[in-house]
Amino acid sequence: MQRAQYPRPNPEVVSDEGEGEVVVVTPQDGSFHTLNPAASWLWRHADGQRSLADLAQGLCDAFAVEPDMAEADVAAFAARAIEAGLWTLDERPPEPPPDEG
């Protein structure tokens, strides 16, 4: 996994947020995944526009953790999210739509 990859939710998953936690359901197998506060933050901010490195920096800011710890946490969560089918990784952010003006 490279820091310059851009995660985004798998479009087939369903998520809901309540009381600071995010619950994600994978429809292919009906599995429920309850995310802790840091993983919930990552889920909300993984939009395909932010790289893994950007998310690690954001985690540092949001949770006052050291950069090495944030990078390790992001890498670990990304690996689990990809394995579970929750995230996909792109090598670059998507191109903006063409200007119709």
Protein backbone atom coordinates (compact mmCIF):
# COMPACT_ATOMS: atom_id res chain seq x y z
CA MET A 1 0.00 0.00 0.00
CA GLN A 2 1.37 3.38 -0.97
CA ARG A 3 0.81 6.70 0.75
CA ALA A 4 -0.13 8.26 -2.60
CA GLN A 5 -3.15 6.01 -3.10
CA TYR A 6 -6.63 7.49 -2.83
CA PRO A 7 -9.24 5.45 -0.93
CA ARG A 8 -12.97 5.74 -1.41
CA PRO A 9 -15.94 3.70 -0.25
CA ASN A 10 -16.97 0.76 -2.36
CA PRO A 11 -20.17 2.05 -4.05
CA GLU A 12 -21.95 -1.21 -3.18
CA VAL A 13 -21.68 -0.80 0.61
CA VAL A 14 -24.26 0.91 2.76
CA SER A 15 -23.28 3.02 5.77
CA ASP A 16 -25.06 4.85 8.54
CA GLU A 17 -23.83 7.02 11.37
CA GLY A 18 -25.22 7.28 14.86
CA GLU A 19 -23.75 8.54 18.13
CA GLY A 20 -20.32 9.13 16.62
CA GLU A 21 -19.91 5.63 15.16
CA VAL A 22 -20.27 4.51 11.61
CA VAL A 23 -21.80 1.14 10.75
CA VAL A 24 -21.05 -0.24 7.31
CA VAL A 25 -22.88 -3.16 5.68
CA THR A 26 -21.47 -5.16 2.80
CA PRO A 27 -24.49 -6.27 0.77
CA GLN A 28 -22.70 -9.19 -0.91
CA ASP A 29 -22.50 -11.08 2.41
CA GLY A 30 -24.64 -8.97 4.77
CA SER A 31 -21.74 -8.36 7.18
CA PHE A 32 -22.00 -5.45 9.61
CA HIS A 33 -18.84 -3.51 10.45
CA THR A 34 -19.00 -1.13 13.43
CA LEU A 35 -16.17 1.39 13.23
CA ASN A 36 -14.45 2.95 16.22
CA PRO A 37 -14.12 6.77 16.37
CA ALA A 38 -10.81 6.92 14.44
CA ALA A 39 -12.01 4.47 11.78
CA SER A 40 -15.30 6.39 11.55
CA TRP A 41 -13.30 9.58 10.93
CA LEU A 42 -11.34 7.80 8.19
CA TRP A 43 -14.57 6.49 6.65
CA ARG A 44 -16.11 9.97 6.52
CA HIS A 45 -12.99 11.51 4.95
CA ALA A 46 -12.02 8.81 2.43
CA ASP A 47 -13.66 10.44 -0.57
CA GLY A 48 -11.22 9.54 -3.34
CA GLN A 49 -9.79 13.07 -3.26
CA ARG A 50 -7.58 12.56 -0.19
CA SER A 51 -4.57 10.25 -0.25
CA LEU A 52 -3.65 7.83 2.51
CA ALA A 53 -0.96 10.36 3.53
CA ASP A 54 -3.60 13.13 3.68
CA LEU A 55 -5.80 10.92 5.87
CA ALA A 56 -2.88 10.19 8.20
CA GLN A 57 -2.22 13.92 8.59
CA GLY A 58 -5.90 14.53 9.26
CA LEU A 59 -5.92 11.78 11.86
CA CYS A 60 -2.97 13.50 13.59
CA ASP A 61 -4.91 16.75 13.70
CA ALA A 62 -8.25 15.24 14.73
CA PHE A 63 -6.96 12.86 17.42
CA ALA A 64 -3.65 14.44 18.49
CA VAL A 65 -1.60 11.36 17.63
CA GLU A 66 1.99 11.20 16.42
CA PRO A 67 2.53 10.97 12.64
CA ASP A 68 4.11 7.50 12.80
CA MET A 69 1.15 6.16 14.77
CA ALA A 70 -1.36 7.81 12.44
CA GLU A 71 0.34 6.37 9.35
CA ALA A 72 0.37 2.89 10.89
CA ASP A 73 -3.30 3.18 11.88
CA VAL A 74 -4.33 4.38 8.41
CA ALA A 75 -2.36 1.59 6.72
CA ALA A 76 -3.87 -1.04 9.04
CA PHE A 77 -7.42 0.22 8.60
CA ALA A 78 -6.99 0.55 4.82
CA ALA A 79 -5.76 -3.03 4.56
CA ARG A 80 -8.74 -4.32 6.57
CA ALA A 81 -11.23 -2.10 4.70
CA ILE A 82 -9.95 -3.29 1.32
CA GLU A 83 -9.94 -6.95 2.40
CA ALA A 84 -13.53 -6.62 3.67
CA GLY A 85 -14.63 -4.92 0.44
CA LEU A 86 -15.42 -1.60 2.14
CA TRP A 87 -12.86 0.58 0.31
CA THR A 88 -11.30 0.69 -3.10
CA LEU A 89 -7.96 2.37 -3.81
CA ASP A 90 -7.18 4.52 -6.81
CA GLU A 91 -3.72 5.53 -7.96
CA ARG A 92 -4.89 9.13 -8.42
CA PRO A 93 -7.96 11.17 -7.58
CA PRO A 94 -10.72 11.12 -10.18
CA GLU A 95 -10.64 13.73 -12.90
CA PRO A 96 -13.06 16.62 -12.35
CA PRO A 97 -16.05 16.58 -14.68
CA PRO A 98 -15.62 18.65 -17.83
CA ASP A 99 -16.77 22.25 -17.60
CA GLU A 100 -20.07 22.54 -19.41
CA GLY A 101 -19.89 26.33 -19.54
